[in-house]
Amino acid sequence: MLRSSFRTLGALGAGLAAATTLVMATPASAQDDFTLYAKEVPSDEEGPQQLPKVGDSFTFADDLYEDKGGDKVGRDGVTCTVVRTGNPLDIQCVGTFVLSGGQITAQVLMSVPLDESAEQPDFDASITGGTDDYRGASGQIHFSDEGDYQKLDFDFDD
């Protein structure tokens, strides 16, 4: 999910658009840990940036890959809501990762610097559940930037 996902957000208005359909293959077996790479899908919601207010929300999406530049294995969709203003800004994000073996849900409360030149630090999101092969999933996803991609390390509880 959180790519976007939770992608590096910079100012609140950063947006990503809907991704495409699934491809075959789920990474590893369903409850084994795995890594995916998220690449933002450009959005057509560009416009002037305004300071966000509590309650403002935005959505974004990514295509998911097993390897940078490899075959697409899924997509994600994330909605974030501003819960505290200031610098940094606090946002609550909820997202779903769609893979051929099912869906994985996650959420995070994160602080985002409003200075666009500031780097978003790595962060972790809680895995809150899933469907099909991922039913009852729990654990966390570690997000880190790697150039044009965001690396997502899925770490499932035993």
C-alpha atoms as a PDB file:
ATOM      1  CA  MET A   1       0.000   0.000   0.000  1.00  0.00           C
ATOM      2  CA  LEU A   2       1.009   2.035   0.925  1.00  0.00           C
ATOM      3  CA  ARG A   3       3.325   3.308  -2.385  1.00  0.00           C
ATOM      4  CA  SER A   4       2.603   5.057  -2.559  1.00  0.00           C
ATOM      5  CA  SER A   5       1.510   3.786  -2.235  1.00  0.00           C
ATOM      6  CA  PHE A   6       3.051   5.059  -0.150  1.00  0.00           C
ATOM      7  CA  ARG A   7       5.359   6.940  -2.563  1.00  0.00           C
ATOM      8  CA  THR A   8       7.470   9.831  -1.357  1.00  0.00           C
ATOM      9  CA  LEU A   9       4.778  12.422  -1.016  1.00  0.00           C
ATOM     10  CA  GLY A  10       6.483  15.819  -0.723  1.00  0.00           C
ATOM     11  CA  ALA A  11       3.572  18.246  -0.798  1.00  0.00           C
ATOM     12  CA  LEU A  12       0.064  16.873  -0.277  1.00  0.00           C
ATOM     13  CA  GLY A  13      -1.037  17.300  -3.870  1.00  0.00           C
ATOM     14  CA  ALA A  14       1.262  14.561  -5.190  1.00  0.00           C
ATOM     15  CA  GLY A  15      -1.052  12.139  -6.911  1.00  0.00           C
ATOM     16  CA  LEU A  16      -0.861   8.863  -8.726  1.00  0.00           C
ATOM     17  CA  ALA A  17      -3.536   7.324 -10.922  1.00  0.00           C
ATOM     18  CA  ALA A  18      -5.200   3.991 -11.423  1.00  0.00           C
ATOM     19  CA  ALA A  19      -3.065   1.032 -12.367  1.00  0.00           C
ATOM     20  CA  THR A  20      -3.746  -1.835 -14.706  1.00  0.00           C
ATOM     21  CA  THR A  21      -4.873  -5.403 -14.301  1.00  0.00           C
ATOM     22  CA  LEU A  22      -3.108  -8.332 -12.719  1.00  0.00           C
ATOM     23  CA  VAL A  23      -0.631 -10.482 -14.429  1.00  0.00           C
ATOM     24  CA  MET A  24      -0.087 -14.110 -13.489  1.00  0.00           C
ATOM     25  CA  ALA A  25       2.199 -15.280 -10.678  1.00  0.00           C
ATOM     26  CA  THR A  26       2.008 -14.371  -7.057  1.00  0.00           C
ATOM     27  CA  PRO A  27       5.358 -13.762  -5.351  1.00  0.00           C
ATOM     28  CA  ALA A  28       6.587 -16.885  -3.560  1.00  0.00           C
ATOM     29  CA  SER A  29       3.912 -18.795  -1.693  1.00  0.00           C
ATOM     30  CA  ALA A  30       1.201 -16.733  -0.106  1.00  0.00           C
ATOM     31  CA  GLN A  31       2.471 -16.322   3.476  1.00  0.00           C
ATOM     32  CA  ASP A  32       6.209 -16.341   2.715  1.00  0.00           C
ATOM     33  CA  ASP A  33       7.997 -12.995   2.978  1.00  0.00           C
ATOM     34  CA  PHE A  34       8.680 -11.331  -0.377  1.00  0.00           C
ATOM     35  CA  THR A  35       9.758  -8.059  -1.982  1.00  0.00           C
ATOM     36  CA  LEU A  36       7.953  -6.062  -4.651  1.00  0.00           C
ATOM     37  CA  TYR A  37       8.817  -2.832  -6.439  1.00  0.00           C
ATOM     38  CA  ALA A  38       6.146  -0.163  -6.879  1.00  0.00           C
ATOM     39  CA  LYS A  39       6.279   2.325  -9.718  1.00  0.00           C
ATOM     40  CA  GLU A  40       3.898   5.233  -9.743  1.00  0.00           C
ATOM     41  CA  VAL A  41       1.335   5.582 -12.468  1.00  0.00           C
ATOM     42  CA  PRO A  42       1.171   9.251 -13.528  1.00  0.00           C
ATOM     43  CA  SER A  43      -1.964  11.131 -12.606  1.00  0.00           C
ATOM     44  CA  ASP A  44      -3.739  13.823 -14.557  1.00  0.00           C
ATOM     45  CA  GLU A  45      -4.641  15.649 -11.337  1.00  0.00           C
ATOM     46  CA  GLU A  46      -1.852  18.224 -11.527  1.00  0.00           C
ATOM     47  CA  GLY A  47      -2.740  21.673 -10.307  1.00  0.00           C
ATOM     48  CA  PRO A  48      -1.698  24.433  -7.951  1.00  0.00           C
ATOM     49  CA  GLN A  49      -0.583  23.243  -4.533  1.00  0.00           C
ATOM     50  CA  GLN A  50      -2.468  24.535  -1.493  1.00  0.00           C
ATOM     51  CA  LEU A  51      -1.760  23.986   2.159  1.00  0.00           C
ATOM     52  CA  PRO A  52      -3.807  20.995   3.274  1.00  0.00           C
ATOM     53  CA  LYS A  53      -6.465  21.048   5.973  1.00  0.00           C
ATOM     54  CA  VAL A  54      -7.488  18.306   8.386  1.00  0.00           C
ATOM     55  CA  GLY A  55      -9.884  16.019   6.537  1.00  0.00           C
ATOM     56  CA  ASP A  56      -8.395  16.613   3.074  1.00  0.00           C
ATOM     57  CA  SER A  57      -7.773  13.338   1.286  1.00  0.00           C
ATOM     58  CA  PHE A  58      -6.102  12.063  -1.853  1.00  0.00           C
ATOM     59  CA  THR A  59      -5.639   8.758  -3.617  1.00  0.00           C
ATOM     60  CA  PHE A  60      -2.885   7.150  -5.658  1.00  0.00           C
ATOM     61  CA  ALA A  61      -1.968   3.875  -7.291  1.00  0.00           C
ATOM     62  CA  ASP A  62       1.097   1.952  -8.423  1.00  0.00           C
ATOM     63  CA  ASP A  63       1.966  -0.951 -10.659  1.00  0.00           C
ATOM     64  CA  LEU A  64       3.803  -3.717  -8.758  1.00  0.00           C
ATOM     65  CA  TYR A  65       6.801  -5.682 -10.044  1.00  0.00           C
ATOM     66  CA  GLU A  66       8.880  -8.577  -8.705  1.00  0.00           C
ATOM     67  CA  ASP A  67      12.010  -6.939 -10.160  1.00  0.00           C
ATOM     68  CA  LYS A  68      12.738  -3.389 -11.309  1.00  0.00           C
ATOM     69  CA  GLY A  69      11.811  -3.302 -14.968  1.00  0.00           C
ATOM     70  CA  GLY A  70      10.462  -6.873 -14.799  1.00  0.00           C
ATOM     71  CA  ASP A  71       7.017  -8.305 -15.343  1.00  0.00           C
ATOM     72  CA  LYS A  72       4.103  -6.620 -13.610  1.00  0.00           C
ATOM     73  CA  VAL A  73       2.578  -8.876 -10.913  1.00  0.00           C
ATOM     74  CA  GLY A  74      -0.118  -6.633  -9.476  1.00  0.00           C
ATOM     75  CA  ARG A  75      -1.300  -3.194  -8.523  1.00  0.00           C
ATOM     76  CA  ASP A  76      -2.175  -1.161  -5.459  1.00  0.00           C
ATOM     77  CA  GLY A  77      -4.591   1.579  -4.515  1.00  0.00           C
ATOM     78  CA  VAL A  78      -4.204   3.901  -1.528  1.00  0.00           C
ATOM     79  CA  THR A  79      -6.312   6.608   0.115  1.00  0.00           C
ATOM     80  CA  CYS A  80      -4.714   9.054   2.549  1.00  0.00           C
ATOM     81  CA  THR A  81      -6.407  11.584   4.822  1.00  0.00           C
ATOM     82  CA  VAL A  82      -4.767  14.524   6.575  1.00  0.00           C
ATOM     83  CA  VAL A  83      -5.203  14.093  10.339  1.00  0.00           C
ATOM     84  CA  ARG A  84      -2.834  16.818  11.604  1.00  0.00           C
ATOM     85  CA  THR A  85      -1.532  19.930   9.895  1.00  0.00           C
ATOM     86  CA  GLY A  86       1.817  21.591  10.370  1.00  0.00           C
ATOM     87  CA  ASN A  87       5.266  20.692   9.168  1.00  0.00           C
ATOM     88  CA  PRO A  88       5.559  17.785   9.076  1.00  0.00           C
ATOM     89  CA  LEU A  89       2.024  16.877   8.084  1.00  0.00           C
ATOM     90  CA  ASP A  90       0.419  13.708   9.541  1.00  0.00           C
ATOM     91  CA  ILE A  91      -1.577  11.509   7.175  1.00  0.00           C
ATOM     92  CA  GLN A  92      -3.480   8.266   7.774  1.00  0.00           C
ATOM     93  CA  CYS A  93      -3.209   5.971   4.726  1.00  0.00           C
ATOM     94  CA  VAL A  94      -5.077   2.761   3.953  1.00  0.00           C
ATOM     95  CA  GLY A  95      -4.205   0.675   0.923  1.00  0.00           C
ATOM     96  CA  THR A  96      -4.819  -2.612  -0.847  1.00  0.00           C
ATOM     97  CA  PHE A  97      -2.303  -4.641  -2.852  1.00  0.00           C
ATOM     98  CA  VAL A  98      -3.882  -6.836  -5.538  1.00  0.00           C
ATOM     99  CA  LEU A  99      -1.889  -9.925  -6.517  1.00  0.00           C
ATOM    100  CA  SER A 100      -2.921 -13.093  -8.342  1.00  0.00           C
ATOM    101  CA  GLY A 101      -3.133 -14.992  -5.007  1.00  0.00           C
ATOM    102  CA  GLY A 102      -5.495 -12.454  -3.452  1.00  0.00           C
ATOM    103  CA  GLN A 103      -5.417  -9.043  -1.830  1.00  0.00           C
ATOM    104  CA  ILE A 104      -3.349  -7.698   1.074  1.00  0.00           C
ATOM    105  CA  THR A 105      -4.531  -4.694   3.104  1.00  0.00           C
ATOM    106  CA  ALA A 106      -2.319  -2.322   5.075  1.00  0.00           C
ATOM    107  CA  GLN A 107      -2.422   1.001   6.905  1.00  0.00           C
ATOM    108  CA  VAL A 108      -0.051   3.573   8.392  1.00  0.00           C
ATOM    109  CA  LEU A 109      -0.026   6.929  10.157  1.00  0.00           C
ATOM    110  CA  MET A 110       2.944   8.805   8.779  1.00  0.00           C
ATOM    111  CA  SER A 111       4.557  12.228   8.950  1.00  0.00           C
ATOM    112  CA  VAL A 112       5.296  13.941   5.644  1.00  0.00           C
ATOM    113  CA  PRO A 113       7.592  16.961   5.381  1.00  0.00           C
ATOM    114  CA  LEU A 114       6.028  19.817   3.412  1.00  0.00           C
ATOM    115  CA  ASP A 115       9.443  20.850   2.073  1.00  0.00           C
ATOM    116  CA  GLU A 116       9.559  19.183  -1.360  1.00  0.00           C
ATOM    117  CA  SER A 117      13.351  18.944  -1.161  1.00  0.00           C
ATOM    118  CA  ALA A 118      13.199  16.905   2.060  1.00  0.00           C
ATOM    119  CA  GLU A 119      13.473  13.153   1.648  1.00  0.00           C
ATOM    120  CA  GLN A 120      10.706  10.976   2.990  1.00  0.00           C
ATOM    121  CA  PRO A 121      12.357   8.541   5.414  1.00  0.00           C
ATOM    122  CA  ASP A 122      11.784   4.800   5.142  1.00  0.00           C
ATOM    123  CA  PHE A 123       8.664   3.694   6.985  1.00  0.00           C
ATOM    124  CA  ASP A 124       6.658   0.611   7.959  1.00  0.00           C
ATOM    125  CA  ALA A 125       2.953  -0.068   7.482  1.00  0.00           C
ATOM    126  CA  SER A 126       0.899  -2.675   9.324  1.00  0.00           C
ATOM    127  CA  ILE A 127      -0.530  -5.566   7.320  1.00  0.00           C
ATOM    128  CA  THR A 128      -4.124  -5.653   8.531  1.00  0.00           C
ATOM    129  CA  GLY A 129      -5.515  -8.599   6.581  1.00  0.00           C
ATOM    130  CA  GLY A 130      -6.041 -10.182   3.224  1.00  0.00           C
ATOM    131  CA  THR A 131      -8.173 -12.392   1.033  1.00  0.00           C
ATOM    132  CA  ASP A 132      -7.800 -15.811  -0.580  1.00  0.00           C
ATOM    133  CA  ASP A 133      -4.178 -16.992  -0.143  1.00  0.00           C
ATOM    134  CA  TYR A 134      -3.543 -14.022   2.180  1.00  0.00           C
ATOM    135  CA  ARG A 135      -6.585 -14.552   4.400  1.00  0.00           C
ATOM    136  CA  GLY A 136      -5.732 -13.693   8.009  1.00  0.00           C
ATOM    137  CA  ALA A 137      -2.429 -12.087   7.030  1.00  0.00           C
ATOM    138  CA  SER A 138      -0.613  -9.902   9.544  1.00  0.00           C
ATOM    139  CA  GLY A 139       2.839  -8.389   9.770  1.00  0.00           C
ATOM    140  CA  GLN A 140       4.357  -5.293   8.229  1.00  0.00           C
ATOM    141  CA  ILE A 141       5.602  -3.814   4.978  1.00  0.00           C
ATOM    142  CA  HIS A 142       8.851  -1.832   4.958  1.00  0.00           C
ATOM    143  CA  PHE A 143       8.878   0.963   2.352  1.00  0.00           C
ATOM    144  CA  SER A 144      12.090   2.489   0.990  1.00  0.00           C
ATOM    145  CA  ASP A 145      12.829   4.578  -2.085  1.00  0.00           C
ATOM    146  CA  GLU A 146      15.058   3.119  -4.794  1.00  0.00           C
ATOM    147  CA  GLY A 147      15.284   5.623  -7.631  1.00  0.00           C
ATOM    148  CA  ASP A 148      12.174   5.537  -9.826  1.00  0.00           C
ATOM    149  CA  TYR A 149      10.763   2.680  -7.727  1.00  0.00           C
ATOM    150  CA  GLN A 150       9.729   2.169  -4.147  1.00  0.00           C
ATOM    151  CA  LYS A 151      10.877  -1.091  -2.581  1.00  0.00           C
ATOM    152  CA  LEU A 152       8.216  -2.912  -0.527  1.00  0.00           C
ATOM    153  CA  ASP A 153       9.465  -5.671   1.788  1.00  0.00           C
ATOM    154  CA  PHE A 154       6.490  -7.770   2.942  1.00  0.00           C
ATOM    155  CA  ASP A 155       7.266  -9.377   6.318  1.00  0.00           C
ATOM    156  CA  PHE A 156       4.443 -11.689   7.429  1.00  0.00           C
ATOM    157  CA  ASP A 157       4.019 -12.848  11.022  1.00  0.00           C
ATOM    158  CA  ASP A 158       4.586 -16.552  11.543  1.00  0.00           C
END
